[in-house]
Amino acid sequence: MGNTQYQWLKNTLKNSTEQYKFVFAHHTRGEGRGGILTARYYEWGGYEADSITWGFTANRQGWAKPIHQLFVDNGVNIFFQVSLINTLGQTILQTKSTNFNISGIKNGIYFLHIKTSNFEENKKIIIYR
């Protein structure tokens, strides 16, 4: 995430008057799945990979606070990661939106993988046109 995206996220959360705030993303650090494992590190939590060194201030100049703290301070209720997986276990689509564009996806059976910090579920879906 770059500074432009961070400032947009910060302002959107700060100015939201909604009772519930949900954030959707395809991953936390540009790799892998599962936010709980990476929430303490880098732009999300501020610590370097050694779990001891605070690197946030030096590495994210202009950012007020790590993303996790930004979520806490602005009342984000839940953080979702959403993926569409084929029957071979391959990730076909990852999104940070509640809207999916499946126009380029072939007919078939897929699994919608939804993950939060305390919830994970796969739902079978069939695309048939």
Protein backbone atom coordinates (compact mmCIF):
# COMPACT_ATOMS: atom_id res chain seq x y z
CA MET A 1 0.00 0.00 0.00
CA GLY A 2 1.36 3.38 -0.93
CA ASN A 3 0.86 6.73 0.75
CA THR A 4 -2.02 7.71 -1.55
CA GLN A 5 -3.96 4.55 -0.66
CA TYR A 6 -3.17 4.97 3.04
CA GLN A 7 -4.40 8.57 3.10
CA TRP A 8 -7.59 7.54 1.27
CA LEU A 9 -8.22 4.72 3.77
CA LYS A 10 -7.50 6.97 6.75
CA ASN A 11 -9.84 9.72 5.52
CA THR A 12 -12.58 7.30 4.49
CA LEU A 13 -12.59 5.63 7.91
CA LYS A 14 -12.31 8.91 9.81
CA ASN A 15 -15.18 10.55 7.93
CA SER A 16 -17.51 7.55 7.94
CA THR A 17 -20.64 7.93 10.02
CA GLU A 18 -21.75 4.34 9.48
CA GLN A 19 -22.48 2.23 12.55
CA TYR A 20 -20.65 -0.79 11.12
CA LYS A 21 -17.38 -0.61 9.20
CA PHE A 22 -16.25 -3.59 7.17
CA VAL A 23 -12.99 -3.66 5.22
CA PHE A 24 -12.45 -6.13 2.36
CA ALA A 25 -9.00 -6.99 1.00
CA HIS A 26 -7.33 -9.73 -0.98
CA HIS A 27 -4.33 -9.99 1.37
CA THR A 28 -2.48 -8.01 4.01
CA ARG A 29 1.05 -7.77 2.64
CA GLY A 30 0.98 -8.70 -1.02
CA GLU A 31 1.52 -12.36 -0.29
CA GLY A 32 -0.23 -15.35 1.18
CA ARG A 33 -3.45 -15.52 3.13
CA GLY A 34 -4.35 -14.87 6.73
CA GLY A 35 -4.17 -11.48 8.39
CA ILE A 36 -3.57 -12.64 11.94
CA LEU A 37 -0.04 -13.83 11.14
CA THR A 38 1.05 -10.54 9.58
CA ALA A 39 -0.95 -8.03 11.64
CA ARG A 40 2.01 -7.23 13.93
CA TYR A 41 4.46 -6.44 11.14
CA TYR A 42 5.42 -3.65 8.75
CA GLU A 43 2.67 -1.23 7.73
CA TRP A 44 0.03 -3.30 9.52
CA GLY A 45 1.52 -3.35 12.99
CA GLY A 46 4.78 -1.41 12.84
CA TYR A 47 7.31 -4.08 13.84
CA GLU A 48 10.01 -5.54 11.64
CA ALA A 49 10.25 -9.30 10.96
CA ASP A 50 12.28 -9.85 14.16
CA SER A 51 9.17 -8.84 16.21
CA ILE A 52 11.33 -6.53 18.33
CA THR A 53 12.43 -3.62 16.14
CA TRP A 54 9.92 -0.81 15.62
CA GLY A 55 10.42 0.15 11.97
CA PHE A 56 7.14 1.86 11.18
CA THR A 57 8.23 5.47 11.77
CA ALA A 58 11.31 5.19 9.56
CA ASN A 59 9.69 3.10 6.81
CA ARG A 60 6.27 4.76 6.57
CA GLN A 61 7.00 8.47 6.82
CA GLY A 62 3.86 10.58 6.64
CA TRP A 63 1.66 7.82 8.00
CA ALA A 64 0.10 8.62 11.36
CA LYS A 65 -0.10 5.05 12.63
CA PRO A 66 -0.04 1.40 11.50
CA ILE A 67 -3.09 0.15 9.61
CA HIS A 68 -4.21 -2.15 12.42
CA GLN A 69 -4.27 0.77 14.86
CA LEU A 70 -6.06 2.89 12.26
CA PHE A 71 -8.77 0.19 12.13
CA VAL A 72 -9.03 0.05 15.94
CA ASP A 73 -9.18 3.83 16.37
CA ASN A 74 -11.88 4.20 13.71
CA GLY A 75 -14.11 1.35 14.86
CA VAL A 76 -13.62 -1.12 12.02
CA ASN A 77 -15.82 -4.05 12.99
CA ILE A 78 -14.38 -6.69 10.72
CA PHE A 79 -11.64 -7.23 8.14
CA PHE A 80 -12.47 -9.68 5.34
CA GLN A 81 -10.27 -11.46 2.86
CA VAL A 82 -12.15 -12.91 -0.09
CA SER A 83 -10.93 -15.36 -2.76
CA LEU A 84 -12.50 -17.45 -5.51
CA ILE A 85 -10.87 -20.89 -5.75
CA ASN A 86 -11.35 -23.55 -8.44
CA THR A 87 -11.76 -27.30 -7.79
CA LEU A 88 -7.99 -27.78 -8.20
CA GLY A 89 -7.35 -25.44 -5.27
CA GLN A 90 -6.02 -22.63 -7.46
CA THR A 91 -6.92 -19.07 -6.54
CA ILE A 92 -8.77 -17.62 -9.53
CA LEU A 93 -9.78 -14.26 -8.11
CA GLN A 94 -8.87 -12.25 -5.03
CA THR A 95 -10.71 -9.06 -4.21
CA LYS A 96 -10.77 -6.22 -1.77
CA SER A 97 -14.31 -5.33 -2.76
CA THR A 98 -17.75 -6.67 -2.01
CA ASN A 99 -18.39 -6.70 -5.77
CA PHE A 100 -17.06 -9.51 -7.96
CA ASN A 101 -16.72 -9.28 -11.73
CA ILE A 102 -16.99 -12.88 -12.87
CA SER A 103 -17.55 -12.12 -16.55
CA GLY A 104 -14.16 -13.64 -17.42
CA ILE A 105 -14.62 -16.73 -15.26
CA LYS A 106 -15.56 -19.95 -17.10
CA ASN A 107 -18.62 -22.01 -16.18
CA GLY A 108 -17.86 -24.44 -13.39
CA ILE A 109 -17.81 -25.19 -9.69
CA TYR A 110 -15.84 -22.84 -7.44
CA PHE A 111 -15.39 -22.09 -3.78
CA LEU A 112 -15.79 -18.63 -2.33
CA HIS A 113 -13.25 -18.43 0.50
CA ILE A 114 -14.13 -15.80 3.11
CA LYS A 115 -11.73 -15.16 5.98
CA THR A 116 -11.69 -12.80 8.95
CA SER A 117 -9.62 -12.81 12.12
CA ASN A 118 -12.10 -15.12 13.86
CA PHE A 119 -14.11 -16.67 11.02
CA GLU A 120 -13.24 -18.71 7.95
CA GLU A 121 -15.62 -20.39 5.56
CA ASN A 122 -15.77 -21.83 2.06
CA LYS A 123 -19.03 -21.67 0.14
CA LYS A 124 -19.51 -23.70 -3.02
CA ILE A 125 -20.80 -21.71 -5.95
CA ILE A 126 -21.70 -22.77 -9.47
CA ILE A 127 -21.22 -20.46 -12.42
CA TYR A 128 -23.43 -21.43 -15.32
CA ARG A 129 -24.46 -19.13 -18.15
